Amino acid sequence: MFSASKSFTNIRVSNLDIIDPTYSGIMFQTNYVGSQPQNAFENTVFTDVSITGATKSGDQFDDRSGYGIWANPMPEPGQGPAVGSVTFHNLTMSGNHKDIENTTSTFTIEID
């Protein structure tokens, strides 16, 4: 999920099964102009989501893989860590290298 030049607000995703993703199940990051984020994730909600089998990739992106949910703290040039928040209702995860990785101070992942 990439918040960039358009508003990323009131997004709803429901009934999603992610099985054996190549790198991570769901990744969040934000585009920046200079040192400022363009748009934050706002009122973004996932309901009835399962993420299984996110494993380490074993390639040049191995250190960026294996997460069920990941707030990317080290994106490509011109991008920065995710900004804003996301809420998950009825989230199930299994068989991932790590279920949730969020080392940012700019993004919140809420699970209920």
N, C-alpha and C. Protein backbone atom coordinates (compact mmCIF):
# COMPACT_ATOMS: atom_id res chain seq x y z
N MET A 1 0.87 -1.15 0.00
CA MET A 1 0.00 0.00 0.00
C MET A 1 0.92 1.21 0.00
N PHE A 2 0.66 2.12 -0.91
CA PHE A 2 1.57 3.24 -1.10
C PHE A 2 0.78 4.54 -1.13
N SER A 3 0.93 5.35 -0.10
CA SER A 3 0.29 6.67 -0.10
C SER A 3 1.26 7.63 -0.79
N ALA A 4 0.79 8.20 -1.88
CA ALA A 4 1.69 9.05 -2.69
C ALA A 4 1.02 10.38 -2.97
N SER A 5 0.85 10.72 -4.24
CA SER A 5 0.37 12.05 -4.62
C SER A 5 -1.14 12.22 -4.45
N LYS A 6 -1.86 11.14 -4.22
CA LYS A 6 -3.31 11.21 -4.02
C LYS A 6 -3.64 10.87 -2.57
N SER A 7 -4.75 11.38 -2.10
CA SER A 7 -5.19 11.11 -0.73
C SER A 7 -5.41 9.61 -0.54
N PHE A 8 -4.96 9.09 0.58
CA PHE A 8 -5.17 7.68 0.92
C PHE A 8 -6.06 7.66 2.16
N THR A 9 -7.34 7.95 1.94
CA THR A 9 -8.28 8.14 3.03
C THR A 9 -9.54 7.30 2.79
N ASN A 10 -10.08 6.76 3.88
CA ASN A 10 -11.33 5.98 3.84
C ASN A 10 -11.24 4.75 2.94
N ILE A 11 -10.09 4.11 2.89
CA ILE A 11 -9.92 2.89 2.11
C ILE A 11 -10.42 1.71 2.94
N ARG A 12 -11.17 0.81 2.32
CA ARG A 12 -11.68 -0.39 2.97
C ARG A 12 -11.29 -1.61 2.16
N VAL A 13 -10.72 -2.60 2.83
CA VAL A 13 -10.37 -3.87 2.21
C VAL A 13 -10.99 -4.96 3.08
N SER A 14 -11.75 -5.87 2.47
CA SER A 14 -12.42 -6.93 3.23
C SER A 14 -12.25 -8.28 2.54
N ASN A 15 -12.30 -9.33 3.39
CA ASN A 15 -12.28 -10.70 2.90
C ASN A 15 -11.08 -10.97 2.01
N LEU A 16 -9.89 -10.80 2.58
CA LEU A 16 -8.65 -10.94 1.85
C LEU A 16 -7.82 -12.08 2.43
N ASP A 17 -7.40 -13.01 1.58
CA ASP A 17 -6.50 -14.08 1.97
C ASP A 17 -5.20 -13.92 1.19
N ILE A 18 -4.10 -13.71 1.90
CA ILE A 18 -2.78 -13.61 1.28
C ILE A 18 -2.02 -14.86 1.67
N ILE A 19 -1.63 -15.65 0.66
CA ILE A 19 -0.99 -16.94 0.90
C ILE A 19 0.35 -16.96 0.19
N ASP A 20 1.41 -17.24 0.93
CA ASP A 20 2.77 -17.37 0.39
C ASP A 20 3.20 -16.17 -0.46
N PRO A 21 3.16 -14.96 0.10
CA PRO A 21 3.61 -13.79 -0.67
C PRO A 21 5.11 -13.87 -0.96
N THR A 22 5.52 -13.25 -2.05
CA THR A 22 6.93 -13.29 -2.45
C THR A 22 7.83 -12.63 -1.42
N TYR A 23 7.44 -11.47 -0.88
CA TYR A 23 8.28 -10.76 0.08
C TYR A 23 7.56 -10.54 1.40
N SER A 24 6.46 -9.82 1.39
CA SER A 24 5.66 -9.58 2.59
C SER A 24 4.19 -9.57 2.20
N GLY A 25 3.33 -9.84 3.18
CA GLY A 25 1.90 -9.86 2.90
C GLY A 25 1.37 -8.50 2.51
N ILE A 26 1.50 -7.52 3.41
CA ILE A 26 1.07 -6.15 3.15
C ILE A 26 2.17 -5.22 3.64
N MET A 27 2.63 -4.35 2.76
CA MET A 27 3.66 -3.37 3.12
C MET A 27 3.05 -1.97 3.00
N PHE A 28 3.41 -1.11 3.92
CA PHE A 28 2.95 0.28 3.89
C PHE A 28 4.16 1.19 3.73
N GLN A 29 4.07 2.15 2.81
CA GLN A 29 5.08 3.20 2.71
C GLN A 29 4.45 4.44 2.07
N THR A 30 5.15 5.56 2.22
CA THR A 30 4.62 6.86 1.82
C THR A 30 5.62 7.58 0.92
N ASN A 31 5.12 8.29 -0.06
CA ASN A 31 5.97 9.12 -0.92
C ASN A 31 6.26 10.44 -0.21
N TYR A 32 7.47 10.92 -0.39
CA TYR A 32 7.89 12.18 0.21
C TYR A 32 8.30 13.15 -0.89
N VAL A 33 8.08 14.43 -0.66
CA VAL A 33 8.61 15.49 -1.51
C VAL A 33 9.59 16.25 -0.62
N GLY A 34 10.86 16.14 -0.97
CA GLY A 34 11.87 16.64 -0.05
C GLY A 34 11.84 15.79 1.20
N SER A 35 11.70 16.41 2.33
CA SER A 35 11.63 15.66 3.59
C SER A 35 10.20 15.56 4.13
N GLN A 36 9.20 15.96 3.33
CA GLN A 36 7.82 15.97 3.80
C GLN A 36 6.97 14.90 3.12
N PRO A 37 6.20 14.16 3.90
CA PRO A 37 5.31 13.16 3.29
C PRO A 37 4.21 13.84 2.51
N GLN A 38 3.84 13.27 1.36
CA GLN A 38 2.76 13.84 0.56
C GLN A 38 1.40 13.62 1.20
N ASN A 39 1.05 12.39 1.51
CA ASN A 39 -0.25 12.06 2.09
C ASN A 39 -0.09 10.94 3.10
N ALA A 40 -0.81 11.05 4.19
CA ALA A 40 -0.79 10.02 5.23
C ALA A 40 -1.89 9.01 4.96
N PHE A 41 -1.73 7.82 5.51
CA PHE A 41 -2.82 6.84 5.53
C PHE A 41 -3.80 7.31 6.59
N GLU A 42 -5.06 7.53 6.20
CA GLU A 42 -6.07 8.00 7.14
C GLU A 42 -7.34 7.17 7.01
N ASN A 43 -7.86 6.72 8.14
CA ASN A 43 -9.11 5.97 8.18
C ASN A 43 -9.07 4.78 7.20
N THR A 44 -7.97 4.05 7.22
CA THR A 44 -7.78 2.87 6.39
C THR A 44 -8.06 1.63 7.23
N VAL A 45 -8.99 0.77 6.76
CA VAL A 45 -9.45 -0.35 7.57
C VAL A 45 -9.46 -1.63 6.73
N PHE A 46 -8.86 -2.69 7.32
CA PHE A 46 -8.90 -4.03 6.74
C PHE A 46 -9.76 -4.90 7.64
N THR A 47 -10.67 -5.68 7.06
CA THR A 47 -11.55 -6.55 7.83
C THR A 47 -11.51 -7.97 7.25
N ASP A 48 -11.45 -8.95 8.13
CA ASP A 48 -11.41 -10.36 7.73
C ASP A 48 -10.27 -10.64 6.77
N VAL A 49 -9.05 -10.49 7.31
CA VAL A 49 -7.83 -10.69 6.54
C VAL A 49 -7.02 -11.82 7.15
N SER A 50 -6.48 -12.69 6.28
CA SER A 50 -5.54 -13.70 6.74
C SER A 50 -4.27 -13.59 5.91
N ILE A 51 -3.14 -13.71 6.59
CA ILE A 51 -1.83 -13.66 5.92
C ILE A 51 -1.04 -14.86 6.41
N THR A 52 -0.67 -15.73 5.48
CA THR A 52 0.07 -16.94 5.84
C THR A 52 1.25 -17.16 4.90
N GLY A 53 2.34 -17.65 5.45
CA GLY A 53 3.46 -18.09 4.65
C GLY A 53 4.38 -17.02 4.12
N ALA A 54 4.46 -15.86 4.78
CA ALA A 54 5.44 -14.83 4.38
C ALA A 54 6.80 -15.26 4.94
N THR A 55 7.68 -15.72 4.06
CA THR A 55 8.98 -16.22 4.50
C THR A 55 10.10 -15.37 3.91
N LYS A 56 11.28 -15.54 4.43
CA LYS A 56 12.45 -14.83 3.91
C LYS A 56 12.65 -15.22 2.45
N SER A 57 13.02 -14.25 1.61
CA SER A 57 13.10 -14.48 0.17
C SER A 57 14.39 -15.16 -0.27
N GLY A 58 15.48 -14.97 0.48
CA GLY A 58 16.73 -15.58 0.12
C GLY A 58 17.45 -14.91 -1.04
N ASP A 59 16.96 -13.75 -1.47
CA ASP A 59 17.61 -13.01 -2.56
C ASP A 59 18.14 -11.69 -2.03
N GLN A 60 18.39 -10.72 -2.92
CA GLN A 60 18.96 -9.44 -2.49
C GLN A 60 17.99 -8.63 -1.61
N PHE A 61 16.73 -9.05 -1.53
CA PHE A 61 15.75 -8.35 -0.70
C PHE A 61 15.42 -9.14 0.58
N ASP A 62 16.27 -10.08 0.94
CA ASP A 62 16.01 -10.96 2.08
C ASP A 62 15.76 -10.18 3.37
N ASP A 63 16.51 -9.08 3.58
CA ASP A 63 16.33 -8.29 4.80
C ASP A 63 15.02 -7.50 4.80
N ARG A 64 14.33 -7.46 3.67
CA ARG A 64 13.05 -6.75 3.55
C ARG A 64 11.90 -7.72 3.30
N SER A 65 12.06 -8.95 3.73
CA SER A 65 11.04 -9.96 3.42
C SER A 65 10.66 -10.75 4.66
N GLY A 66 9.57 -11.50 4.52
CA GLY A 66 9.14 -12.41 5.58
C GLY A 66 8.14 -11.83 6.56
N TYR A 67 7.66 -10.62 6.32
CA TYR A 67 6.72 -9.98 7.24
C TYR A 67 5.28 -10.16 6.77
N GLY A 68 4.39 -10.51 7.70
CA GLY A 68 2.98 -10.52 7.37
C GLY A 68 2.50 -9.11 7.05
N ILE A 69 2.79 -8.19 7.97
CA ILE A 69 2.48 -6.77 7.80
C ILE A 69 3.75 -5.99 8.08
N TRP A 70 4.09 -5.08 7.20
CA TRP A 70 5.35 -4.34 7.33
C TRP A 70 5.17 -2.87 7.04
N ALA A 71 5.56 -2.02 7.98
CA ALA A 71 5.68 -0.57 7.75
C ALA A 71 7.14 -0.33 7.38
N ASN A 72 7.39 -0.09 6.12
CA ASN A 72 8.75 0.00 5.59
C ASN A 72 9.47 1.25 6.09
N PRO A 73 10.56 1.08 6.87
CA PRO A 73 11.29 2.24 7.38
C PRO A 73 12.41 2.70 6.46
N MET A 74 12.70 1.94 5.39
CA MET A 74 13.85 2.25 4.55
C MET A 74 13.51 2.12 3.06
N PRO A 75 12.53 2.89 2.58
CA PRO A 75 12.12 2.78 1.19
C PRO A 75 13.16 3.29 0.20
N GLU A 76 12.75 3.24 -1.06
CA GLU A 76 13.59 3.69 -2.15
C GLU A 76 13.76 5.21 -2.10
N PRO A 77 14.74 5.75 -2.84
CA PRO A 77 14.93 7.21 -2.88
C PRO A 77 13.64 7.95 -3.24
N GLY A 78 13.38 9.06 -2.55
CA GLY A 78 12.17 9.85 -2.79
C GLY A 78 10.98 9.36 -2.00
N GLN A 79 11.15 8.29 -1.28
CA GLN A 79 10.08 7.76 -0.46
C GLN A 79 10.57 7.68 0.98
N GLY A 80 9.63 7.59 1.89
CA GLY A 80 10.02 7.52 3.28
C GLY A 80 9.17 6.53 4.01
N PRO A 81 9.34 6.45 5.31
CA PRO A 81 8.51 5.53 6.08
C PRO A 81 7.04 5.90 5.98
N ALA A 82 6.20 4.90 6.16
CA ALA A 82 4.76 5.13 6.14
C ALA A 82 4.38 6.16 7.20
N VAL A 83 3.35 6.95 6.87
CA VAL A 83 2.84 7.98 7.77
C VAL A 83 1.34 7.77 7.92
N GLY A 84 0.84 7.78 9.15
CA GLY A 84 -0.58 7.64 9.42
C GLY A 84 -0.87 6.41 10.23
N SER A 85 -2.00 5.76 9.90
CA SER A 85 -2.38 4.57 10.65
C SER A 85 -3.28 3.67 9.81
N VAL A 86 -3.37 2.42 10.26
CA VAL A 86 -4.25 1.43 9.66
C VAL A 86 -4.85 0.61 10.79
N THR A 87 -6.07 0.14 10.58
CA THR A 87 -6.75 -0.70 11.56
C THR A 87 -7.11 -2.03 10.91
N PHE A 88 -6.88 -3.11 11.64
CA PHE A 88 -7.26 -4.45 11.19
C PHE A 88 -8.32 -5.01 12.14
N HIS A 89 -9.42 -5.49 11.57
CA HIS A 89 -10.46 -6.21 12.32
C HIS A 89 -10.44 -7.66 11.86
N ASN A 90 -10.42 -8.57 12.81
CA ASN A 90 -10.44 -10.00 12.51
C ASN A 90 -9.26 -10.40 11.61
N LEU A 91 -8.06 -10.14 12.09
CA LEU A 91 -6.83 -10.49 11.39
C LEU A 91 -6.31 -11.82 11.92
N THR A 92 -5.97 -12.72 11.01
CA THR A 92 -5.32 -13.97 11.41
C THR A 92 -4.03 -14.11 10.62
N MET A 93 -2.99 -14.60 11.29
CA MET A 93 -1.70 -14.78 10.65
C MET A 93 -1.07 -16.07 11.15
N SER A 94 -0.35 -16.74 10.24
CA SER A 94 0.37 -17.94 10.64
C SER A 94 1.47 -18.25 9.62
N GLY A 95 2.51 -18.89 10.11
CA GLY A 95 3.58 -19.34 9.23
C GLY A 95 4.42 -18.24 8.62
N ASN A 96 4.38 -17.05 9.18
CA ASN A 96 5.19 -15.93 8.69
C ASN A 96 6.52 -15.89 9.45
N HIS A 97 7.57 -15.43 8.80
CA HIS A 97 8.85 -15.25 9.50
C HIS A 97 8.63 -14.34 10.71
N LYS A 98 7.91 -13.24 10.49
CA LYS A 98 7.50 -12.33 11.56
C LYS A 98 6.15 -11.78 11.18
N ASP A 99 5.18 -11.82 12.09
CA ASP A 99 3.83 -11.38 11.76
C ASP A 99 3.74 -9.88 11.47
N ILE A 100 4.29 -9.05 12.36
CA ILE A 100 4.18 -7.59 12.20
C ILE A 100 5.54 -6.97 12.47
N GLU A 101 5.96 -6.09 11.58
CA GLU A 101 7.21 -5.34 11.77
C GLU A 101 6.91 -3.86 11.53
N ASN A 102 7.08 -3.05 12.58
CA ASN A 102 6.88 -1.61 12.46
C ASN A 102 7.85 -0.91 13.40
N THR A 103 8.98 -0.49 12.84
CA THR A 103 9.97 0.22 13.64
C THR A 103 9.88 1.73 13.43
N THR A 104 8.86 2.17 12.69
CA THR A 104 8.71 3.60 12.44
C THR A 104 8.09 4.29 13.64
N SER A 105 8.29 5.59 13.72
CA SER A 105 7.60 6.40 14.74
C SER A 105 6.46 7.19 14.10
N THR A 106 6.24 6.97 12.81
CA THR A 106 5.29 7.78 12.03
C THR A 106 4.05 7.02 11.61
N PHE A 107 3.96 5.72 11.96
CA PHE A 107 2.85 4.89 11.48
C PHE A 107 2.38 3.98 12.62
N THR A 108 1.06 3.83 12.72
CA THR A 108 0.47 2.99 13.76
C THR A 108 -0.33 1.87 13.11
N ILE A 109 -0.11 0.65 13.59
CA ILE A 109 -0.89 -0.51 13.15
C ILE A 109 -1.74 -0.94 14.33
N GLU A 110 -3.05 -0.81 14.18
CA GLU A 110 -3.99 -1.17 15.24
C GLU A 110 -4.65 -2.50 14.90
N ILE A 111 -4.64 -3.43 15.85
CA ILE A 111 -5.25 -4.74 15.66
C ILE A 111 -6.35 -4.89 16.71
N ASP A 112 -7.55 -5.24 16.26
CA ASP A 112 -8.59 -5.55 17.25
C ASP A 112 -9.37 -6.77 16.84
